[in-house]
Amino acid sequence: MEISYINGQFLPHEIIRISPDDRGFLFADGVYEVVKWYGGFFYDMESHVSRLKRSLRELKIGWTDPDRFPSIANELIRLNDLDASYALVYLQVTRGVARRTHYFPSPDVTPTVYAFAWGFTPETIPEEKGVKVMLKEDIRWSRCDIKSVALLANTLSFQEAYEKGMKECIFIRNGVITEGSHSNIFFVIDGTLCTHPESNFILSGVTRKNILRIAKEEGLKIKEQAVSENTLRSCQEAFITNTIAEITPVTDLGGIIIGDGIPGPLSLMLRRKFDERISALRG
């Protein structure tokens, strides 16, 4: 029996009910986080909690207990017998239940907090062979830095990529590459690791942050600088990062073959170093 979390209670998933007047349902007025369980621990949970707090502040959602996220996540792992598995925990916080008005409820209502966990088997072929991704003009709003549940533009774009047999949709805004529909993207140009700087046009990915940290420790040249669409043919390597897949090399970017059409040496080195950090935590 699957157990999920709702507003302070751990309950059978199938009996959980959420009001049709919840602003998450009516307006996508909410935020979320996803953390990965490595069969014994979460990696960099602190950064996920920090980003959750920031998203809540930016949307002025008054959940007063985001520091409970780690304990909720650990309990969901335990209750669903996922201790020895790879798993993901999803947590969503909406503004709460109120009659539909465009202004926020006054006085404030209690936020709705919902979370669930599921096990999965990591894919290895994309990491080994690289993936094809598509390019598309960025149709999203201008607050991509908030991990909002308002993901319609992301899902429409990803669905288009999926239907074309591609693994991700990479966005272009004003002629430069920003990020993917559910990932950040890095490039290697003349031996320098390049990625879009943190701004309102990208989500500050937890894996992105950790890859930059590893790259600095390894002495790589780094530029947090937007990469122009016009320079893609000069890229030697590219890869995407997110919590679930970690690092996935890109070998075909909108029909442009990257490098030799196989995962490049810096991408593979960073992947190996990331794996070493995970292995070290396993003890």
C-alpha atoms as a PDB file:
ATOM      1  CA  MET A   1       0.000   0.000   0.000  1.00  0.00           C
ATOM      2  CA  GLU A   2       1.408   3.366  -1.035  1.00  0.00           C
ATOM      3  CA  ILE A   3       1.613   5.953   1.739  1.00  0.00           C
ATOM      4  CA  SER A   4       1.672   9.684   0.993  1.00  0.00           C
ATOM      5  CA  TYR A   5       1.720  12.835   3.115  1.00  0.00           C
ATOM      6  CA  ILE A   6      -0.955  15.513   3.338  1.00  0.00           C
ATOM      7  CA  ASN A   7      -1.103  18.393   5.809  1.00  0.00           C
ATOM      8  CA  GLY A   8       0.634  16.712   8.722  1.00  0.00           C
ATOM      9  CA  GLN A   9      -0.625  13.156   8.152  1.00  0.00           C
ATOM     10  CA  PHE A  10       0.784  10.055   6.482  1.00  0.00           C
ATOM     11  CA  LEU A  11      -2.150   8.299   4.807  1.00  0.00           C
ATOM     12  CA  PRO A  12      -2.882   5.648   2.166  1.00  0.00           C
ATOM     13  CA  HIS A  13      -2.425   7.422  -1.144  1.00  0.00           C
ATOM     14  CA  GLU A  14      -5.811   6.402  -2.513  1.00  0.00           C
ATOM     15  CA  ILE A  15      -7.798   8.106   0.263  1.00  0.00           C
ATOM     16  CA  ILE A  16      -6.100  11.499   0.039  1.00  0.00           C
ATOM     17  CA  ARG A  17      -8.411  14.262  -1.194  1.00  0.00           C
ATOM     18  CA  ILE A  18      -7.638  17.889  -2.050  1.00  0.00           C
ATOM     19  CA  SER A  19     -10.295  20.598  -2.259  1.00  0.00           C
ATOM     20  CA  PRO A  20     -11.360  21.835  -5.705  1.00  0.00           C
ATOM     21  CA  ASP A  21     -10.993  25.329  -4.223  1.00  0.00           C
ATOM     22  CA  ASP A  22      -7.277  24.799  -3.608  1.00  0.00           C
ATOM     23  CA  ARG A  23      -5.369  27.596  -5.326  1.00  0.00           C
ATOM     24  CA  GLY A  24      -2.868  25.088  -6.611  1.00  0.00           C
ATOM     25  CA  PHE A  25      -5.696  23.576  -8.669  1.00  0.00           C
ATOM     26  CA  LEU A  26      -7.282  26.901  -9.650  1.00  0.00           C
ATOM     27  CA  PHE A  27      -4.177  28.996 -10.361  1.00  0.00           C
ATOM     28  CA  ALA A  28      -1.115  26.704 -10.190  1.00  0.00           C
ATOM     29  CA  ASP A  29      -0.394  28.852  -7.127  1.00  0.00           C
ATOM     30  CA  GLY A  30       2.284  26.717  -5.535  1.00  0.00           C
ATOM     31  CA  VAL A  31       5.873  25.500  -5.493  1.00  0.00           C
ATOM     32  CA  TYR A  32       7.538  22.106  -5.410  1.00  0.00           C
ATOM     33  CA  GLU A  33      10.786  20.231  -4.848  1.00  0.00           C
ATOM     34  CA  VAL A  34      12.044  16.792  -5.892  1.00  0.00           C
ATOM     35  CA  VAL A  35      14.863  15.022  -4.046  1.00  0.00           C
ATOM     36  CA  LYS A  36      16.647  11.790  -4.930  1.00  0.00           C
ATOM     37  CA  TRP A  37      17.159   8.940  -2.497  1.00  0.00           C
ATOM     38  CA  TYR A  38      20.308   6.893  -3.105  1.00  0.00           C
ATOM     39  CA  GLY A  39      19.323   3.741  -1.226  1.00  0.00           C
ATOM     40  CA  GLY A  40      20.409   5.119   2.125  1.00  0.00           C
ATOM     41  CA  PHE A  41      20.616   8.902   1.921  1.00  0.00           C
ATOM     42  CA  PHE A  42      19.501  12.060   0.125  1.00  0.00           C
ATOM     43  CA  TYR A  43      22.214  14.027  -1.668  1.00  0.00           C
ATOM     44  CA  ASP A  44      22.521  17.711  -0.758  1.00  0.00           C
ATOM     45  CA  MET A  45      19.112  17.912   0.898  1.00  0.00           C
ATOM     46  CA  GLU A  46      20.226  21.242   2.379  1.00  0.00           C
ATOM     47  CA  SER A  47      20.227  22.900  -1.046  1.00  0.00           C
ATOM     48  CA  HIS A  48      16.759  21.577  -1.833  1.00  0.00           C
ATOM     49  CA  VAL A  49      15.417  22.983   1.444  1.00  0.00           C
ATOM     50  CA  SER A  50      17.123  26.311   0.788  1.00  0.00           C
ATOM     51  CA  ARG A  51      15.608  26.542  -2.696  1.00  0.00           C
ATOM     52  CA  LEU A  52      12.188  25.570  -1.336  1.00  0.00           C
ATOM     53  CA  LYS A  53      12.367  28.411   1.194  1.00  0.00           C
ATOM     54  CA  ARG A  54      13.330  30.855  -1.548  1.00  0.00           C
ATOM     55  CA  SER A  55      10.456  29.772  -3.798  1.00  0.00           C
ATOM     56  CA  LEU A  56       8.008  30.138  -0.909  1.00  0.00           C
ATOM     57  CA  ARG A  57       9.312  33.648  -0.172  1.00  0.00           C
ATOM     58  CA  GLU A  58       9.097  34.710  -3.829  1.00  0.00           C
ATOM     59  CA  LEU A  59       5.447  33.627  -4.052  1.00  0.00           C
ATOM     60  CA  LYS A  60       4.660  34.865  -0.516  1.00  0.00           C
ATOM     61  CA  ILE A  61       3.319  31.469   0.551  1.00  0.00           C
ATOM     62  CA  GLY A  62       3.341  31.279   4.312  1.00  0.00           C
ATOM     63  CA  TRP A  63       4.268  27.684   5.056  1.00  0.00           C
ATOM     64  CA  THR A  64       6.116  28.142   8.321  1.00  0.00           C
ATOM     65  CA  ASP A  65       7.760  24.716   8.490  1.00  0.00           C
ATOM     66  CA  PRO A  66       9.843  24.017   5.340  1.00  0.00           C
ATOM     67  CA  ASP A  67      12.582  22.611   7.584  1.00  0.00           C
ATOM     68  CA  ARG A  68      10.287  19.597   8.070  1.00  0.00           C
ATOM     69  CA  PHE A  69      10.855  18.561   4.464  1.00  0.00           C
ATOM     70  CA  PRO A  70      13.803  16.219   5.293  1.00  0.00           C
ATOM     71  CA  SER A  71      11.876  14.399   8.025  1.00  0.00           C
ATOM     72  CA  ILE A  72       8.787  14.084   5.807  1.00  0.00           C
ATOM     73  CA  ALA A  73      10.936  12.704   2.987  1.00  0.00           C
ATOM     74  CA  ASN A  74      12.714  10.214   5.244  1.00  0.00           C
ATOM     75  CA  GLU A  75       9.426   8.991   6.702  1.00  0.00           C
ATOM     76  CA  LEU A  76       7.948   8.480   3.225  1.00  0.00           C
ATOM     77  CA  ILE A  77      10.982   6.378   2.292  1.00  0.00           C
ATOM     78  CA  ARG A  78      10.529   4.272   5.428  1.00  0.00           C
ATOM     79  CA  LEU A  79       6.761   3.838   5.162  1.00  0.00           C
ATOM     80  CA  ASN A  80       6.964   2.804   1.519  1.00  0.00           C
ATOM     81  CA  ASP A  81       9.810   0.299   2.079  1.00  0.00           C
ATOM     82  CA  LEU A  82      12.173   2.174  -0.240  1.00  0.00           C
ATOM     83  CA  ASP A  83      15.187   2.217   2.089  1.00  0.00           C
ATOM     84  CA  ALA A  84      17.372   0.054  -0.163  1.00  0.00           C
ATOM     85  CA  SER A  85      16.081   1.437  -3.488  1.00  0.00           C
ATOM     86  CA  TYR A  86      16.688   4.420  -5.701  1.00  0.00           C
ATOM     87  CA  ALA A  87      13.695   6.666  -5.105  1.00  0.00           C
ATOM     88  CA  LEU A  88      12.340  10.173  -5.553  1.00  0.00           C
ATOM     89  CA  VAL A  89      10.328  12.270  -3.129  1.00  0.00           C
ATOM     90  CA  TYR A  90       8.084  15.019  -4.490  1.00  0.00           C
ATOM     91  CA  LEU A  91       6.838  17.777  -2.184  1.00  0.00           C
ATOM     92  CA  GLN A  92       4.325  20.445  -3.223  1.00  0.00           C
ATOM     93  CA  VAL A  93       3.131  23.441  -1.236  1.00  0.00           C
ATOM     94  CA  THR A  94       0.199  25.553  -2.462  1.00  0.00           C
ATOM     95  CA  ARG A  95      -1.229  28.738  -1.008  1.00  0.00           C
ATOM     96  CA  GLY A  96      -4.198  26.756   0.286  1.00  0.00           C
ATOM     97  CA  VAL A  97      -7.981  26.584  -0.012  1.00  0.00           C
ATOM     98  CA  ALA A  98     -10.011  29.742  -0.669  1.00  0.00           C
ATOM     99  CA  ARG A  99     -12.773  31.018  -2.914  1.00  0.00           C
ATOM    100  CA  ARG A 100     -11.430  31.876  -6.350  1.00  0.00           C
ATOM    101  CA  THR A 101     -10.189  35.462  -6.435  1.00  0.00           C
ATOM    102  CA  HIS A 102      -7.152  36.822  -8.234  1.00  0.00           C
ATOM    103  CA  TYR A 103      -5.945  38.534  -5.071  1.00  0.00           C
ATOM    104  CA  PHE A 104      -4.522  36.445  -2.240  1.00  0.00           C
ATOM    105  CA  PRO A 105      -6.928  35.266   0.497  1.00  0.00           C
ATOM    106  CA  SER A 106      -7.235  37.690   3.389  1.00  0.00           C
ATOM    107  CA  PRO A 107      -6.680  36.738   6.098  1.00  0.00           C
ATOM    108  CA  ASP A 108      -4.120  34.124   5.008  1.00  0.00           C
ATOM    109  CA  VAL A 109      -5.272  30.522   4.742  1.00  0.00           C
ATOM    110  CA  THR A 110      -3.314  27.438   5.725  1.00  0.00           C
ATOM    111  CA  PRO A 111      -1.071  26.180   2.894  1.00  0.00           C
ATOM    112  CA  THR A 112      -1.702  22.721   1.456  1.00  0.00           C
ATOM    113  CA  VAL A 113       1.368  20.499   1.828  1.00  0.00           C
ATOM    114  CA  TYR A 114       1.440  17.249  -0.148  1.00  0.00           C
ATOM    115  CA  ALA A 115       4.268  14.758  -0.713  1.00  0.00           C
ATOM    116  CA  PHE A 116       4.772  11.263  -2.102  1.00  0.00           C
ATOM    117  CA  ALA A 117       7.623   8.877  -2.928  1.00  0.00           C
ATOM    118  CA  TRP A 118       8.294   6.300  -5.616  1.00  0.00           C
ATOM    119  CA  GLY A 119      11.109   3.943  -6.499  1.00  0.00           C
ATOM    120  CA  PHE A 120      12.790   3.803  -9.898  1.00  0.00           C
ATOM    121  CA  THR A 121      15.645   2.189 -11.813  1.00  0.00           C
ATOM    122  CA  PRO A 122      18.204   4.702 -13.141  1.00  0.00           C
ATOM    123  CA  GLU A 123      18.872   4.688 -16.883  1.00  0.00           C
ATOM    124  CA  THR A 124      22.507   4.219 -17.893  1.00  0.00           C
ATOM    125  CA  ILE A 125      22.379   4.122 -21.714  1.00  0.00           C
ATOM    126  CA  PRO A 126      21.782   7.911 -22.107  1.00  0.00           C
ATOM    127  CA  GLU A 127      24.764   8.597 -19.848  1.00  0.00           C
ATOM    128  CA  GLU A 128      27.004   6.284 -21.866  1.00  0.00           C
ATOM    129  CA  LYS A 129      25.924   7.184 -25.411  1.00  0.00           C
ATOM    130  CA  GLY A 130      24.583  10.719 -25.095  1.00  0.00           C
ATOM    131  CA  VAL A 131      21.181  12.008 -26.150  1.00  0.00           C
ATOM    132  CA  LYS A 132      19.490  14.081 -28.807  1.00  0.00           C
ATOM    133  CA  VAL A 133      17.701  17.244 -27.697  1.00  0.00           C
ATOM    134  CA  MET A 134      15.652  19.827 -29.578  1.00  0.00           C
ATOM    135  CA  LEU A 135      15.889  23.621 -29.632  1.00  0.00           C
ATOM    136  CA  LYS A 136      12.861  25.857 -29.181  1.00  0.00           C
ATOM    137  CA  GLU A 137      12.134  29.512 -28.521  1.00  0.00           C
ATOM    138  CA  ASP A 138      11.500  30.004 -24.812  1.00  0.00           C
ATOM    139  CA  ILE A 139       7.742  30.457 -24.377  1.00  0.00           C
ATOM    140  CA  ARG A 140       7.794  30.494 -20.564  1.00  0.00           C
ATOM    141  CA  TRP A 141       7.244  33.366 -18.148  1.00  0.00           C
ATOM    142  CA  SER A 142      10.141  35.456 -16.864  1.00  0.00           C
ATOM    143  CA  ARG A 143      10.396  33.987 -13.355  1.00  0.00           C
ATOM    144  CA  CYS A 144      11.963  30.649 -14.180  1.00  0.00           C
ATOM    145  CA  ASP A 145      14.048  30.989 -10.985  1.00  0.00           C
ATOM    146  CA  ILE A 146      10.968  30.053  -8.926  1.00  0.00           C
ATOM    147  CA  LYS A 147      10.317  26.302  -8.776  1.00  0.00           C
ATOM    148  CA  SER A 148       6.648  26.839  -9.454  1.00  0.00           C
ATOM    149  CA  VAL A 149       4.071  24.149 -10.231  1.00  0.00           C
ATOM    150  CA  ALA A 150       2.994  26.318 -13.210  1.00  0.00           C
ATOM    151  CA  LEU A 151       4.749  24.079 -15.744  1.00  0.00           C
ATOM    152  CA  LEU A 152       2.381  24.047 -18.728  1.00  0.00           C
ATOM    153  CA  ALA A 153       4.881  25.701 -21.087  1.00  0.00           C
ATOM    154  CA  ASN A 154       7.563  23.268 -19.918  1.00  0.00           C
ATOM    155  CA  THR A 155       5.378  20.206 -20.391  1.00  0.00           C
ATOM    156  CA  LEU A 156       4.110  21.297 -23.817  1.00  0.00           C
ATOM    157  CA  SER A 157       7.691  21.827 -24.950  1.00  0.00           C
ATOM    158  CA  PHE A 158       8.909  18.550 -23.488  1.00  0.00           C
ATOM    159  CA  GLN A 159       5.993  16.687 -25.090  1.00  0.00           C
ATOM    160  CA  GLU A 160       7.026  18.075 -28.475  1.00  0.00           C
ATOM    161  CA  ALA A 161      10.565  16.803 -27.914  1.00  0.00           C
ATOM    162  CA  TYR A 162       9.251  13.444 -26.711  1.00  0.00           C
ATOM    163  CA  GLU A 163       7.083  12.994 -29.793  1.00  0.00           C
ATOM    164  CA  LYS A 164      10.175  13.628 -31.940  1.00  0.00           C
ATOM    165  CA  GLY A 165      12.142  10.954 -30.096  1.00  0.00           C
ATOM    166  CA  MET A 166      14.328  13.433 -28.220  1.00  0.00           C
ATOM    167  CA  LYS A 167      15.225  13.474 -24.544  1.00  0.00           C
ATOM    168  CA  GLU A 168      14.819  17.180 -23.753  1.00  0.00           C
ATOM    169  CA  CYS A 169      13.761  20.558 -25.098  1.00  0.00           C
ATOM    170  CA  ILE A 170      16.411  23.286 -24.773  1.00  0.00           C
ATOM    171  CA  PHE A 171      15.167  26.866 -24.729  1.00  0.00           C
ATOM    172  CA  ILE A 172      16.467  29.911 -26.602  1.00  0.00           C
ATOM    173  CA  ARG A 173      15.664  33.422 -25.372  1.00  0.00           C
ATOM    174  CA  ASN A 174      16.858  36.494 -27.267  1.00  0.00           C
ATOM    175  CA  GLY A 175      19.318  34.385 -29.225  1.00  0.00           C
ATOM    176  CA  VAL A 176      20.994  32.673 -26.259  1.00  0.00           C
ATOM    177  CA  ILE A 177      20.586  29.255 -24.679  1.00  0.00           C
ATOM    178  CA  THR A 178      18.944  29.390 -21.267  1.00  0.00           C
ATOM    179  CA  GLU A 179      18.111  25.891 -19.970  1.00  0.00           C
ATOM    180  CA  GLY A 180      15.945  22.851 -20.662  1.00  0.00           C
ATOM    181  CA  SER A 181      12.320  22.122 -19.849  1.00  0.00           C
ATOM    182  CA  HIS A 182      13.471  20.227 -16.747  1.00  0.00           C
ATOM    183  CA  SER A 183      17.245  20.556 -16.752  1.00  0.00           C
ATOM    184  CA  ASN A 184      20.172  22.971 -16.868  1.00  0.00           C
ATOM    185  CA  ILE A 185      22.632  22.793 -19.754  1.00  0.00           C
ATOM    186  CA  PHE A 186      26.427  23.117 -19.923  1.00  0.00           C
ATOM    187  CA  PHE A 187      28.781  23.506 -22.884  1.00  0.00           C
ATOM    188  CA  VAL A 188      32.500  23.009 -23.367  1.00  0.00           C
ATOM    189  CA  ILE A 189      33.956  25.648 -25.708  1.00  0.00           C
ATOM    190  CA  ASP A 190      37.729  25.769 -26.258  1.00  0.00           C
ATOM    191  CA  GLY A 191      38.274  23.852 -23.040  1.00  0.00           C
ATOM    192  CA  THR A 192      36.079  26.178 -20.947  1.00  0.00           C
ATOM    193  CA  LEU A 193      32.938  24.978 -19.167  1.00  0.00           C
ATOM    194  CA  CYS A 194      30.110  27.427 -19.958  1.00  0.00           C
ATOM    195  CA  THR A 195      26.587  27.700 -18.587  1.00  0.00           C
ATOM    196  CA  HIS A 196      23.960  30.419 -18.312  1.00  0.00           C
ATOM    197  CA  PRO A 197      24.439  32.524 -15.151  1.00  0.00           C
ATOM    198  CA  GLU A 198      21.825  32.422 -12.415  1.00  0.00           C
ATOM    199  CA  SER A 199      19.037  34.853 -13.255  1.00  0.00           C
ATOM    200  CA  ASN A 200      15.260  35.017 -13.467  1.00  0.00           C
ATOM    201  CA  PHE A 201      15.499  33.106 -16.779  1.00  0.00           C
ATOM    202  CA  ILE A 202      16.803  29.815 -15.325  1.00  0.00           C
ATOM    203  CA  LEU A 203      16.148  27.629 -12.324  1.00  0.00           C
ATOM    204  CA  SER A 204      19.106  27.404  -9.983  1.00  0.00           C
ATOM    205  CA  GLY A 205      19.560  23.642 -10.237  1.00  0.00           C
ATOM    206  CA  VAL A 206      20.990  21.764  -7.260  1.00  0.00           C
ATOM    207  CA  THR A 207      22.918  19.438  -9.576  1.00  0.00           C
ATOM    208  CA  ARG A 208      24.075  22.467 -11.587  1.00  0.00           C
ATOM    209  CA  LYS A 209      25.511  23.964  -8.407  1.00  0.00           C
ATOM    210  CA  ASN A 210      27.301  20.750  -7.488  1.00  0.00           C
ATOM    211  CA  ILE A 211      28.761  20.309 -10.968  1.00  0.00           C
ATOM    212  CA  LEU A 212      30.166  23.851 -10.840  1.00  0.00           C
ATOM    213  CA  ARG A 213      31.682  23.045  -7.448  1.00  0.00           C
ATOM    214  CA  ILE A 214      33.310  19.868  -8.777  1.00  0.00           C
ATOM    215  CA  ALA A 215      34.588  21.701 -11.863  1.00  0.00           C
ATOM    216  CA  LYS A 216      36.231  24.336  -9.659  1.00  0.00           C
ATOM    217  CA  GLU A 217      37.826  21.663  -7.480  1.00  0.00           C
ATOM    218  CA  GLU A 218      39.199  19.997 -10.610  1.00  0.00           C
ATOM    219  CA  GLY A 219      40.692  23.268 -11.837  1.00  0.00           C
ATOM    220  CA  LEU A 220      38.539  23.621 -14.933  1.00  0.00           C
ATOM    221  CA  LYS A 221      38.041  26.974 -16.609  1.00  0.00           C
ATOM    222  CA  ILE A 222      34.470  28.106 -15.992  1.00  0.00           C
ATOM    223  CA  LYS A 223      32.326  30.860 -17.481  1.00  0.00           C
ATOM    224  CA  GLU A 224      28.851  31.462 -16.093  1.00  0.00           C
ATOM    225  CA  GLN A 225      27.946  33.224 -19.286  1.00  0.00           C
ATOM    226  CA  ALA A 226      25.114  32.823 -21.797  1.00  0.00           C
ATOM    227  CA  VAL A 227      26.015  30.825 -24.901  1.00  0.00           C
ATOM    228  CA  SER A 228      24.726  32.208 -28.185  1.00  0.00           C
ATOM    229  CA  GLU A 229      22.736  29.960 -30.501  1.00  0.00           C
ATOM    230  CA  ASN A 230      25.124  31.050 -33.254  1.00  0.00           C
ATOM    231  CA  THR A 231      28.126  29.521 -31.455  1.00  0.00           C
ATOM    232  CA  LEU A 232      26.696  26.018 -30.965  1.00  0.00           C
ATOM    233  CA  ARG A 233      28.652  24.580 -33.895  1.00  0.00           C
ATOM    234  CA  SER A 234      31.875  25.540 -32.137  1.00  0.00           C
ATOM    235  CA  CYS A 235      31.003  23.573 -28.976  1.00  0.00           C
ATOM    236  CA  GLN A 236      33.141  20.515 -28.324  1.00  0.00           C
ATOM    237  CA  GLU A 237      30.819  19.074 -25.667  1.00  0.00           C
ATOM    238  CA  ALA A 238      27.426  19.604 -24.068  1.00  0.00           C
ATOM    239  CA  PHE A 239      25.523  17.973 -21.238  1.00  0.00           C
ATOM    240  CA  ILE A 240      22.335  18.493 -19.247  1.00  0.00           C
ATOM    241  CA  THR A 241      21.933  18.201 -15.483  1.00  0.00           C
ATOM    242  CA  ASN A 242      19.038  17.556 -13.131  1.00  0.00           C
ATOM    243  CA  THR A 243      18.313  15.790  -9.865  1.00  0.00           C
ATOM    244  CA  ILE A 244      17.024  12.564 -11.403  1.00  0.00           C
ATOM    245  CA  ALA A 245      19.547  11.878 -14.200  1.00  0.00           C
ATOM    246  CA  GLU A 246      22.406  13.943 -12.712  1.00  0.00           C
ATOM    247  CA  ILE A 247      24.642  14.392 -15.795  1.00  0.00           C
ATOM    248  CA  THR A 248      23.595  13.343 -19.303  1.00  0.00           C
ATOM    249  CA  PRO A 249      25.871  14.090 -22.286  1.00  0.00           C
ATOM    250  CA  VAL A 250      24.230  15.730 -25.323  1.00  0.00           C
ATOM    251  CA  THR A 251      25.537  14.564 -28.703  1.00  0.00           C
ATOM    252  CA  ASP A 252      22.902  16.099 -31.000  1.00  0.00           C
ATOM    253  CA  LEU A 253      21.550  19.583 -30.266  1.00  0.00           C
ATOM    254  CA  GLY A 254      18.729  20.561 -32.600  1.00  0.00           C
ATOM    255  CA  GLY A 255      20.359  18.651 -35.468  1.00  0.00           C
ATOM    256  CA  ILE A 256      23.847  19.997 -34.703  1.00  0.00           C
ATOM    257  CA  ILE A 257      26.263  17.160 -33.913  1.00  0.00           C
ATOM    258  CA  ILE A 258      28.281  18.106 -30.838  1.00  0.00           C
ATOM    259  CA  GLY A 259      31.981  17.259 -30.969  1.00  0.00           C
ATOM    260  CA  ASP A 260      32.505  13.790 -32.406  1.00  0.00           C
ATOM    261  CA  GLY A 261      28.916  12.748 -31.739  1.00  0.00           C
ATOM    262  CA  ILE A 262      29.906  10.854 -28.590  1.00  0.00           C
ATOM    263  CA  PRO A 263      30.155  11.956 -24.938  1.00  0.00           C
ATOM    264  CA  GLY A 264      33.242  14.131 -24.500  1.00  0.00           C
ATOM    265  CA  PRO A 265      36.101  13.732 -22.020  1.00  0.00           C
ATOM    266  CA  LEU A 266      35.156  16.613 -19.694  1.00  0.00           C
ATOM    267  CA  SER A 267      31.532  15.445 -19.532  1.00  0.00           C
ATOM    268  CA  LEU A 268      32.646  11.919 -18.657  1.00  0.00           C
ATOM    269  CA  MET A 269      35.179  13.169 -16.099  1.00  0.00           C
ATOM    270  CA  LEU A 270      32.571  15.302 -14.327  1.00  0.00           C
ATOM    271  CA  ARG A 271      30.157  12.374 -14.372  1.00  0.00           C
ATOM    272  CA  ARG A 272      32.824  10.147 -12.833  1.00  0.00           C
ATOM    273  CA  LYS A 273      33.685  12.694 -10.153  1.00  0.00           C
ATOM    274  CA  PHE A 274      30.003  13.118  -9.283  1.00  0.00           C
ATOM    275  CA  ASP A 275      29.641   9.329  -8.966  1.00  0.00           C
ATOM    276  CA  GLU A 276      32.714   9.221  -6.726  1.00  0.00           C
ATOM    277  CA  ARG A 277      31.101  11.696  -4.334  1.00  0.00           C
ATOM    278  CA  ILE A 278      27.964   9.579  -4.179  1.00  0.00           C
ATOM    279  CA  SER A 279      30.040   6.422  -3.596  1.00  0.00           C
ATOM    280  CA  ALA A 280      31.958   8.139  -0.787  1.00  0.00           C
ATOM    281  CA  LEU A 281      28.691   8.919   0.979  1.00  0.00           C
ATOM    282  CA  ARG A 282      27.660   5.287   0.786  1.00  0.00           C
ATOM    283  CA  GLY A 283      30.702   4.491   2.970  1.00  0.00           C
END
